[in-house]
N, C-alpha and C. Protein backbone atom coordinates (compact mmCIF):
# COMPACT_ATOMS: atom_id res chain seq x y z
N MET A 1 132.95 92.01 50.25
CA MET A 1 132.88 91.64 48.86
C MET A 1 131.57 92.14 48.27
N VAL A 2 131.62 92.88 47.19
CA VAL A 2 130.43 93.37 46.53
C VAL A 2 130.05 92.40 45.42
N LYS A 3 128.80 91.99 45.44
CA LYS A 3 128.33 91.06 44.42
C LYS A 3 128.01 91.83 43.15
N HIS A 4 128.27 91.22 42.01
CA HIS A 4 127.99 91.87 40.73
C HIS A 4 126.53 91.69 40.37
N LYS A 5 125.97 92.71 39.78
CA LYS A 5 124.58 92.68 39.38
C LYS A 5 124.39 91.72 38.22
N GLU A 6 123.37 90.89 38.33
CA GLU A 6 123.03 89.98 37.25
C GLU A 6 121.85 90.57 36.49
N THR A 7 121.84 90.39 35.20
CA THR A 7 120.71 90.85 34.42
C THR A 7 119.66 89.75 34.45
N VAL A 8 118.55 90.08 35.06
CA VAL A 8 117.48 89.10 35.23
C VAL A 8 116.17 89.77 34.85
N SER A 9 115.32 89.05 34.16
CA SER A 9 113.99 89.54 33.84
C SER A 9 112.98 88.78 34.67
N LYS A 10 111.81 89.36 34.84
CA LYS A 10 110.76 88.65 35.55
C LYS A 10 110.44 87.39 34.75
N VAL A 11 110.26 86.28 35.43
CA VAL A 11 110.04 85.00 34.77
C VAL A 11 108.79 85.03 33.91
N ASN A 12 107.73 85.69 34.39
CA ASN A 12 106.50 85.67 33.59
C ASN A 12 106.61 86.50 32.33
N MET A 13 107.70 87.23 32.14
CA MET A 13 107.91 87.98 30.91
C MET A 13 108.92 87.29 30.00
N VAL A 14 109.55 86.23 30.47
CA VAL A 14 110.57 85.53 29.71
C VAL A 14 110.28 84.03 29.77
N PRO A 15 109.32 83.54 28.97
CA PRO A 15 108.92 82.15 29.07
C PRO A 15 110.00 81.15 28.69
N GLU A 16 111.09 81.59 28.06
CA GLU A 16 112.11 80.64 27.63
C GLU A 16 113.03 80.18 28.76
N ILE A 17 112.88 80.71 29.97
CA ILE A 17 113.72 80.26 31.08
C ILE A 17 113.27 78.87 31.50
N PRO A 18 114.17 77.87 31.48
CA PRO A 18 113.79 76.50 31.81
C PRO A 18 113.34 76.38 33.27
N GLY A 19 112.39 75.48 33.49
CA GLY A 19 111.97 75.17 34.85
C GLY A 19 111.00 76.16 35.47
N THR A 20 110.39 77.03 34.67
CA THR A 20 109.46 78.00 35.23
C THR A 20 108.03 77.62 34.90
N ILE A 21 107.12 78.10 35.71
CA ILE A 21 105.70 77.91 35.46
C ILE A 21 105.15 79.27 35.03
N ILE A 22 104.44 79.31 33.93
CA ILE A 22 103.86 80.56 33.45
C ILE A 22 102.35 80.46 33.59
N TRP A 23 101.75 81.40 34.31
CA TRP A 23 100.31 81.43 34.48
C TRP A 23 99.73 82.46 33.54
N SER A 24 98.51 82.19 33.05
CA SER A 24 97.89 83.12 32.11
C SER A 24 97.65 84.46 32.80
N GLU A 25 97.91 85.52 32.06
CA GLU A 25 97.74 86.87 32.59
C GLU A 25 96.28 87.27 32.50
N LYS A 26 95.78 87.94 33.54
CA LYS A 26 94.47 88.56 33.47
C LYS A 26 94.65 89.95 32.91
N SER A 27 93.65 90.46 32.22
CA SER A 27 93.79 91.83 31.73
C SER A 27 93.71 92.78 32.91
N GLN A 28 94.66 93.68 32.98
CA GLN A 28 94.73 94.62 34.09
C GLN A 28 94.99 96.01 33.54
N ASN A 29 94.48 96.99 34.23
CA ASN A 29 94.71 98.37 33.84
C ASN A 29 96.07 98.79 34.36
N ASP A 30 97.04 98.93 33.46
CA ASP A 30 98.39 99.29 33.87
C ASP A 30 98.48 100.69 34.45
N ASN A 31 97.47 101.52 34.19
CA ASN A 31 97.50 102.89 34.67
C ASN A 31 96.78 103.06 36.01
N GLN A 32 96.34 101.96 36.60
CA GLN A 32 95.60 102.09 37.86
C GLN A 32 96.50 102.61 38.97
N ASN A 33 95.88 103.26 39.93
CA ASN A 33 96.64 103.77 41.07
C ASN A 33 97.05 102.62 41.97
N ASN A 34 98.13 102.80 42.65
CA ASN A 34 98.62 101.79 43.58
C ASN A 34 97.76 101.83 44.83
N PRO A 35 96.96 100.77 45.11
CA PRO A 35 96.09 100.81 46.29
C PRO A 35 96.87 100.89 47.59
N TRP A 36 98.15 100.56 47.56
CA TRP A 36 98.95 100.62 48.79
C TRP A 36 99.30 102.06 49.16
N ASP A 37 98.96 103.01 48.30
CA ASP A 37 99.17 104.42 48.63
C ASP A 37 98.02 104.98 49.45
N ASP A 38 96.99 104.19 49.71
CA ASP A 38 95.83 104.64 50.49
C ASP A 38 96.21 104.73 51.97
N PRO A 39 96.24 105.94 52.54
CA PRO A 39 96.67 106.09 53.93
C PRO A 39 95.70 105.48 54.93
N SER A 40 94.47 105.12 54.49
CA SER A 40 93.51 104.53 55.43
C SER A 40 93.81 103.06 55.72
N LEU A 41 94.68 102.45 54.92
CA LEU A 41 95.03 101.05 55.17
C LEU A 41 95.86 100.95 56.44
N THR A 42 95.50 100.01 57.28
CA THR A 42 96.26 99.82 58.52
C THR A 42 96.78 98.40 58.60
N CYS A 43 97.05 97.81 57.46
CA CYS A 43 97.47 96.41 57.45
C CYS A 43 98.94 96.26 57.85
N MET A 44 99.29 95.05 58.21
CA MET A 44 100.65 94.72 58.62
C MET A 44 101.62 94.97 57.47
N SER A 45 102.77 95.52 57.76
CA SER A 45 103.86 95.73 56.80
C SER A 45 103.46 96.64 55.64
N LEU A 46 102.69 97.67 55.91
CA LEU A 46 102.21 98.55 54.85
C LEU A 46 103.35 99.22 54.09
N THR A 47 104.38 99.68 54.79
CA THR A 47 105.50 100.33 54.10
C THR A 47 106.18 99.37 53.13
N GLU A 48 106.43 98.15 53.58
CA GLU A 48 107.06 97.15 52.71
C GLU A 48 106.19 96.84 51.50
N LYS A 49 104.87 96.75 51.72
CA LYS A 49 103.96 96.46 50.61
C LYS A 49 103.96 97.60 49.60
N ARG A 50 104.03 98.83 50.07
CA ARG A 50 104.10 99.97 49.15
C ARG A 50 105.36 99.88 48.29
N ILE A 51 106.48 99.56 48.92
CA ILE A 51 107.75 99.46 48.18
C ILE A 51 107.68 98.32 47.17
N LEU A 52 107.27 97.14 47.62
CA LEU A 52 107.21 95.98 46.73
C LEU A 52 106.20 96.20 45.60
N ALA A 53 105.07 96.83 45.90
CA ALA A 53 104.07 97.09 44.87
C ALA A 53 104.62 98.03 43.80
N SER A 54 105.46 98.98 44.20
CA SER A 54 106.04 99.89 43.22
C SER A 54 107.07 99.19 42.34
N ILE A 55 107.67 98.12 42.84
CA ILE A 55 108.65 97.35 42.08
C ILE A 55 107.97 96.36 41.13
N THR A 56 106.91 95.70 41.62
CA THR A 56 106.34 94.57 40.88
C THR A 56 105.09 94.88 40.09
N GLY A 57 104.25 95.78 40.54
CA GLY A 57 102.96 95.99 39.90
C GLY A 57 102.00 94.88 40.27
N PRO A 58 100.70 95.04 39.93
CA PRO A 58 99.72 94.01 40.25
C PRO A 58 100.09 92.69 39.58
N THR A 59 99.70 91.59 40.20
CA THR A 59 100.04 90.27 39.68
C THR A 59 98.79 89.41 39.59
N PRO A 60 98.72 88.53 38.59
CA PRO A 60 97.55 87.65 38.48
C PRO A 60 97.52 86.65 39.63
N GLU A 61 96.33 86.16 39.92
CA GLU A 61 96.20 85.14 40.96
C GLU A 61 96.95 83.88 40.53
N LEU A 62 97.48 83.18 41.50
CA LEU A 62 98.16 81.91 41.24
C LEU A 62 97.12 80.79 41.23
N PRO A 63 97.41 79.67 40.59
CA PRO A 63 96.44 78.57 40.49
C PRO A 63 96.46 77.64 41.70
N TYR A 64 96.43 78.22 42.89
CA TYR A 64 96.46 77.44 44.13
C TYR A 64 95.34 77.92 45.04
N PRO A 65 94.87 77.04 45.92
CA PRO A 65 93.82 77.46 46.85
C PRO A 65 94.33 78.53 47.81
N LEU A 66 93.41 79.39 48.23
CA LEU A 66 93.72 80.43 49.21
C LEU A 66 93.02 80.10 50.52
N ASN A 67 93.74 80.22 51.61
CA ASN A 67 93.18 80.03 52.94
C ASN A 67 93.44 81.27 53.78
N PRO A 68 92.55 81.58 54.73
CA PRO A 68 92.82 82.71 55.62
C PRO A 68 94.07 82.44 56.47
N LEU A 69 94.89 83.46 56.62
CA LEU A 69 96.08 83.39 57.47
C LEU A 69 95.86 84.39 58.61
N PRO A 70 95.54 83.91 59.81
CA PRO A 70 95.32 84.83 60.93
C PRO A 70 96.61 85.57 61.26
N LEU A 71 96.49 86.87 61.49
CA LEU A 71 97.64 87.71 61.82
C LEU A 71 97.57 88.14 63.28
N ARG A 72 98.72 88.35 63.87
CA ARG A 72 98.80 88.70 65.29
C ARG A 72 98.03 89.97 65.62
N ASN A 73 98.23 91.04 64.89
CA ASN A 73 97.63 92.33 65.23
C ASN A 73 96.73 92.89 64.14
N ASP A 74 96.23 92.06 63.27
CA ASP A 74 95.51 92.56 62.11
C ASP A 74 94.42 91.57 61.70
N ALA A 75 93.57 92.02 60.80
CA ALA A 75 92.60 91.11 60.21
C ALA A 75 93.35 90.06 59.40
N PRO A 76 92.76 88.87 59.24
CA PRO A 76 93.46 87.84 58.47
C PRO A 76 93.71 88.28 57.04
N THR A 77 94.74 87.71 56.45
CA THR A 77 95.01 87.89 55.03
C THR A 77 94.83 86.54 54.37
N MET A 78 95.01 86.46 53.07
CA MET A 78 94.84 85.20 52.36
C MET A 78 96.20 84.64 51.97
N GLU A 79 96.40 83.36 52.26
CA GLU A 79 97.66 82.67 51.97
C GLU A 79 97.42 81.56 50.95
N TYR A 80 98.27 81.50 49.92
CA TYR A 80 98.21 80.39 48.98
C TYR A 80 98.75 79.13 49.63
N ILE A 81 98.12 78.01 49.33
CA ILE A 81 98.62 76.71 49.75
C ILE A 81 99.35 76.13 48.53
N ILE A 82 100.68 76.23 48.56
CA ILE A 82 101.51 75.85 47.41
C ILE A 82 102.16 74.50 47.69
N PRO A 83 101.98 73.52 46.80
CA PRO A 83 102.62 72.22 47.01
C PRO A 83 104.15 72.35 46.98
N GLU A 84 104.81 71.53 47.76
CA GLU A 84 106.29 71.56 47.81
C GLU A 84 106.89 71.41 46.42
N SER A 85 106.25 70.61 45.56
CA SER A 85 106.79 70.38 44.22
C SER A 85 106.79 71.63 43.34
N ASP A 86 105.99 72.64 43.69
CA ASP A 86 105.92 73.88 42.91
C ASP A 86 106.64 75.05 43.56
N LYS A 87 107.13 74.87 44.78
CA LYS A 87 107.68 76.01 45.53
C LYS A 87 108.87 76.69 44.83
N ALA A 88 109.77 75.94 44.23
CA ALA A 88 110.93 76.55 43.57
C ALA A 88 110.48 77.41 42.39
N ALA A 89 109.55 76.90 41.58
CA ALA A 89 109.08 77.65 40.42
C ALA A 89 108.31 78.90 40.83
N VAL A 90 107.49 78.80 41.87
CA VAL A 90 106.74 79.96 42.35
C VAL A 90 107.71 81.02 42.89
N LEU A 91 108.72 80.58 43.61
CA LEU A 91 109.71 81.53 44.13
C LEU A 91 110.39 82.27 42.99
N ARG A 92 110.82 81.54 41.95
CA ARG A 92 111.45 82.19 40.80
C ARG A 92 110.47 83.14 40.09
N GLN A 93 109.21 82.76 40.05
CA GLN A 93 108.18 83.57 39.39
C GLN A 93 107.96 84.90 40.10
N LEU A 94 107.96 84.90 41.42
CA LEU A 94 107.56 86.08 42.18
C LEU A 94 108.69 86.84 42.86
N TYR A 95 109.87 86.24 42.97
CA TYR A 95 110.95 86.88 43.72
C TYR A 95 111.38 88.17 43.02
N PRO A 96 111.30 89.33 43.70
CA PRO A 96 111.52 90.61 43.03
C PRO A 96 112.97 91.10 42.98
N PHE A 97 113.91 90.31 43.48
CA PHE A 97 115.31 90.76 43.52
C PHE A 97 116.20 89.76 42.81
N SER A 98 117.45 90.13 42.65
CA SER A 98 118.42 89.28 41.99
C SER A 98 119.65 89.14 42.86
N PRO A 99 120.18 87.97 43.02
CA PRO A 99 119.70 86.69 42.49
C PRO A 99 118.61 86.09 43.37
N CYS A 100 117.82 85.22 42.79
CA CYS A 100 116.78 84.51 43.54
C CYS A 100 117.45 83.39 44.33
N PRO A 101 117.16 83.29 45.63
CA PRO A 101 117.80 82.24 46.42
C PRO A 101 117.22 80.86 46.10
N GLU A 102 117.95 79.84 46.46
CA GLU A 102 117.49 78.46 46.34
C GLU A 102 116.68 78.11 47.60
N LEU A 103 115.82 77.11 47.48
CA LEU A 103 114.97 76.74 48.61
C LEU A 103 115.75 76.30 49.84
N HIS A 104 116.93 75.73 49.66
CA HIS A 104 117.70 75.22 50.80
C HIS A 104 118.48 76.32 51.53
N GLU A 105 118.54 77.52 50.94
CA GLU A 105 119.33 78.59 51.55
C GLU A 105 118.66 79.13 52.81
N ILE A 106 119.46 79.79 53.62
CA ILE A 106 118.99 80.37 54.88
C ILE A 106 118.97 81.89 54.76
N ARG A 107 117.91 82.50 55.27
CA ARG A 107 117.80 83.95 55.32
C ARG A 107 117.46 84.37 56.75
N PHE A 108 117.63 85.66 57.01
CA PHE A 108 117.34 86.25 58.32
C PHE A 108 116.16 87.20 58.14
N ASP A 109 115.12 87.03 58.95
CA ASP A 109 113.94 87.91 58.91
C ASP A 109 114.18 89.06 59.88
N LEU A 110 114.29 90.28 59.35
CA LEU A 110 114.59 91.45 60.18
C LEU A 110 113.52 91.73 61.22
N HIS A 111 112.25 91.47 60.90
CA HIS A 111 111.18 91.75 61.86
C HIS A 111 111.17 90.75 63.00
N GLU A 112 111.29 89.48 62.67
CA GLU A 112 111.23 88.42 63.68
C GLU A 112 112.58 88.23 64.36
N GLU A 113 113.65 88.68 63.69
CA GLU A 113 115.02 88.50 64.17
C GLU A 113 115.35 87.02 64.36
N LYS A 114 114.97 86.23 63.34
CA LYS A 114 115.23 84.80 63.34
C LYS A 114 115.63 84.36 61.94
N TYR A 115 116.39 83.28 61.89
CA TYR A 115 116.75 82.66 60.61
C TYR A 115 115.66 81.69 60.20
N PHE A 116 115.57 81.45 58.89
CA PHE A 116 114.63 80.47 58.36
C PHE A 116 115.15 79.93 57.04
N ARG A 117 114.63 78.77 56.65
CA ARG A 117 114.97 78.17 55.35
C ARG A 117 114.07 78.82 54.30
N VAL A 118 114.65 79.27 53.19
CA VAL A 118 113.90 79.95 52.14
C VAL A 118 112.69 79.12 51.70
N GLY A 119 112.84 77.81 51.62
CA GLY A 119 111.74 76.94 51.19
C GLY A 119 110.53 76.97 52.09
N ASP A 120 110.65 77.58 53.27
CA ASP A 120 109.52 77.70 54.19
C ASP A 120 108.73 78.99 53.96
N TYR A 121 109.05 79.73 52.89
CA TYR A 121 108.35 80.98 52.59
C TYR A 121 106.86 80.73 52.39
N LYS A 122 106.08 81.81 52.46
CA LYS A 122 104.66 81.79 52.15
C LYS A 122 104.39 82.83 51.07
N VAL A 123 103.26 82.70 50.40
CA VAL A 123 102.81 83.72 49.46
C VAL A 123 101.42 84.15 49.90
N ILE A 124 101.25 85.47 50.09
CA ILE A 124 99.95 86.01 50.45
C ILE A 124 99.39 86.80 49.28
N ARG A 125 98.07 86.98 49.27
CA ARG A 125 97.39 87.75 48.22
C ARG A 125 96.61 88.87 48.88
N GLU A 126 96.92 90.11 48.47
CA GLU A 126 96.20 91.27 48.99
C GLU A 126 96.05 92.32 47.89
N LEU A 127 94.82 92.81 47.70
CA LEU A 127 94.51 93.92 46.80
C LEU A 127 95.11 93.77 45.40
N GLY A 128 95.11 92.54 44.87
CA GLY A 128 95.60 92.33 43.52
C GLY A 128 97.09 92.05 43.41
N TRP A 129 97.77 91.89 44.52
CA TRP A 129 99.20 91.59 44.53
C TRP A 129 99.45 90.26 45.24
N ASN A 130 100.46 89.54 44.75
CA ASN A 130 100.99 88.37 45.44
C ASN A 130 102.30 88.82 46.08
N PHE A 131 102.46 88.55 47.36
CA PHE A 131 103.67 88.93 48.07
C PHE A 131 104.32 87.70 48.69
N ILE A 132 105.62 87.56 48.50
CA ILE A 132 106.39 86.53 49.20
C ILE A 132 106.68 87.06 50.60
N VAL A 133 106.42 86.21 51.58
CA VAL A 133 106.66 86.60 52.97
C VAL A 133 107.42 85.49 53.69
N SER A 134 108.00 85.83 54.81
CA SER A 134 108.73 84.82 55.59
C SER A 134 107.72 83.93 56.32
N PRO A 135 108.16 82.79 56.83
CA PRO A 135 107.25 81.94 57.59
C PRO A 135 106.77 82.62 58.88
N TYR A 136 107.41 83.72 59.26
CA TYR A 136 107.03 84.44 60.48
C TYR A 136 106.10 85.62 60.20
N TYR A 137 105.63 85.76 58.99
CA TYR A 137 104.83 86.93 58.62
C TYR A 137 103.64 87.15 59.54
N ALA A 138 102.91 86.10 59.86
CA ALA A 138 101.69 86.25 60.67
C ALA A 138 102.00 86.82 62.05
N ASN A 139 103.18 86.59 62.55
CA ASN A 139 103.56 87.08 63.87
C ASN A 139 104.15 88.48 63.84
N SER A 140 105.05 88.73 62.87
CA SER A 140 105.81 89.99 62.93
C SER A 140 105.84 90.78 61.63
N GLY A 141 105.27 90.24 60.55
CA GLY A 141 105.18 91.01 59.31
C GLY A 141 106.37 90.94 58.39
N GLY A 142 107.26 89.96 58.56
CA GLY A 142 108.46 89.87 57.71
C GLY A 142 108.13 89.49 56.28
N MET A 143 108.41 90.41 55.37
CA MET A 143 108.17 90.18 53.94
C MET A 143 109.50 89.95 53.24
N VAL A 144 109.46 89.62 51.95
CA VAL A 144 110.68 89.31 51.21
C VAL A 144 111.69 90.46 51.26
N ILE A 145 111.23 91.68 51.35
CA ILE A 145 112.13 92.83 51.41
C ILE A 145 112.86 92.89 52.75
N ASP A 146 112.38 92.13 53.72
CA ASP A 146 112.99 92.08 55.06
C ASP A 146 113.93 90.89 55.24
N TRP A 147 114.20 90.15 54.17
CA TRP A 147 115.09 89.00 54.25
C TRP A 147 116.51 89.46 54.03
N MET A 148 117.40 89.05 54.87
CA MET A 148 118.80 89.44 54.74
C MET A 148 119.69 88.22 54.60
N GLU A 149 120.72 88.40 53.79
CA GLU A 149 121.76 87.40 53.63
C GLU A 149 123.08 88.08 53.96
N LYS A 150 123.88 87.46 54.77
CA LYS A 150 125.16 88.05 55.14
C LYS A 150 126.24 87.46 54.24
N ASP A 151 126.99 88.33 53.54
CA ASP A 151 128.07 87.81 52.72
C ASP A 151 129.35 87.72 53.55
N SER A 152 130.43 87.34 52.93
CA SER A 152 131.68 87.09 53.67
C SER A 152 132.26 88.34 54.31
N ASP A 153 131.90 89.53 53.83
CA ASP A 153 132.40 90.77 54.43
C ASP A 153 131.40 91.38 55.40
N GLY A 154 130.28 90.70 55.63
CA GLY A 154 129.28 91.23 56.53
C GLY A 154 128.41 92.30 55.91
N GLN A 155 128.50 92.50 54.60
CA GLN A 155 127.67 93.49 53.92
C GLN A 155 126.48 92.79 53.28
N VAL A 156 125.36 93.49 53.25
CA VAL A 156 124.15 92.94 52.67
C VAL A 156 123.84 93.71 51.39
N LEU A 157 123.52 92.97 50.33
CA LEU A 157 123.22 93.61 49.06
C LEU A 157 121.99 92.96 48.44
N ILE A 158 120.98 93.78 48.13
CA ILE A 158 119.79 93.32 47.43
C ILE A 158 119.65 94.19 46.19
N ILE A 159 119.46 93.57 45.05
CA ILE A 159 119.38 94.31 43.78
C ILE A 159 118.00 94.07 43.17
N PRO A 160 117.21 95.14 42.96
CA PRO A 160 115.91 94.96 42.30
C PRO A 160 116.11 94.45 40.87
N ILE A 161 115.17 93.64 40.42
CA ILE A 161 115.20 93.14 39.05
C ILE A 161 114.80 94.26 38.12
N GLU A 162 115.52 94.41 37.01
CA GLU A 162 115.17 95.42 36.01
C GLU A 162 113.94 94.98 35.25
N LYS A 163 113.05 95.92 34.96
CA LYS A 163 111.83 95.59 34.19
C LYS A 163 112.13 95.63 32.72
């Protein structure tokens, strides 16, 4: 079964969507180069970050504390500590594909090869971008682009949000 594309805008560009949190935008140079194109970076999931950065562009910091997240094979990154009460709104704010899953849904992390509950996601901050990652990111690098959902025909479909 092929799912039909839904027309969805980024939440921070459409404040009239009920139940969303809108954070003030910082002024950013829209013409800046994508830092993820720097071949000297050796961070975890670099290919996925390049792809996601090309879809989303730089994002303002979220209004949550940042803590170091130790990584298995890399220098630590910074992880937002997001209260459970805000997790659904943050997911809708940052999720780069359509449709955005609900917190109770289950996804499969391709890197870790394990299932997880969407509500257990994490958000990391690197080089001016916020990235949604799986709860297994620190171990294997599973980012939102690595989440799979199996439909009734066994086909997987992810649709980028139109800008």
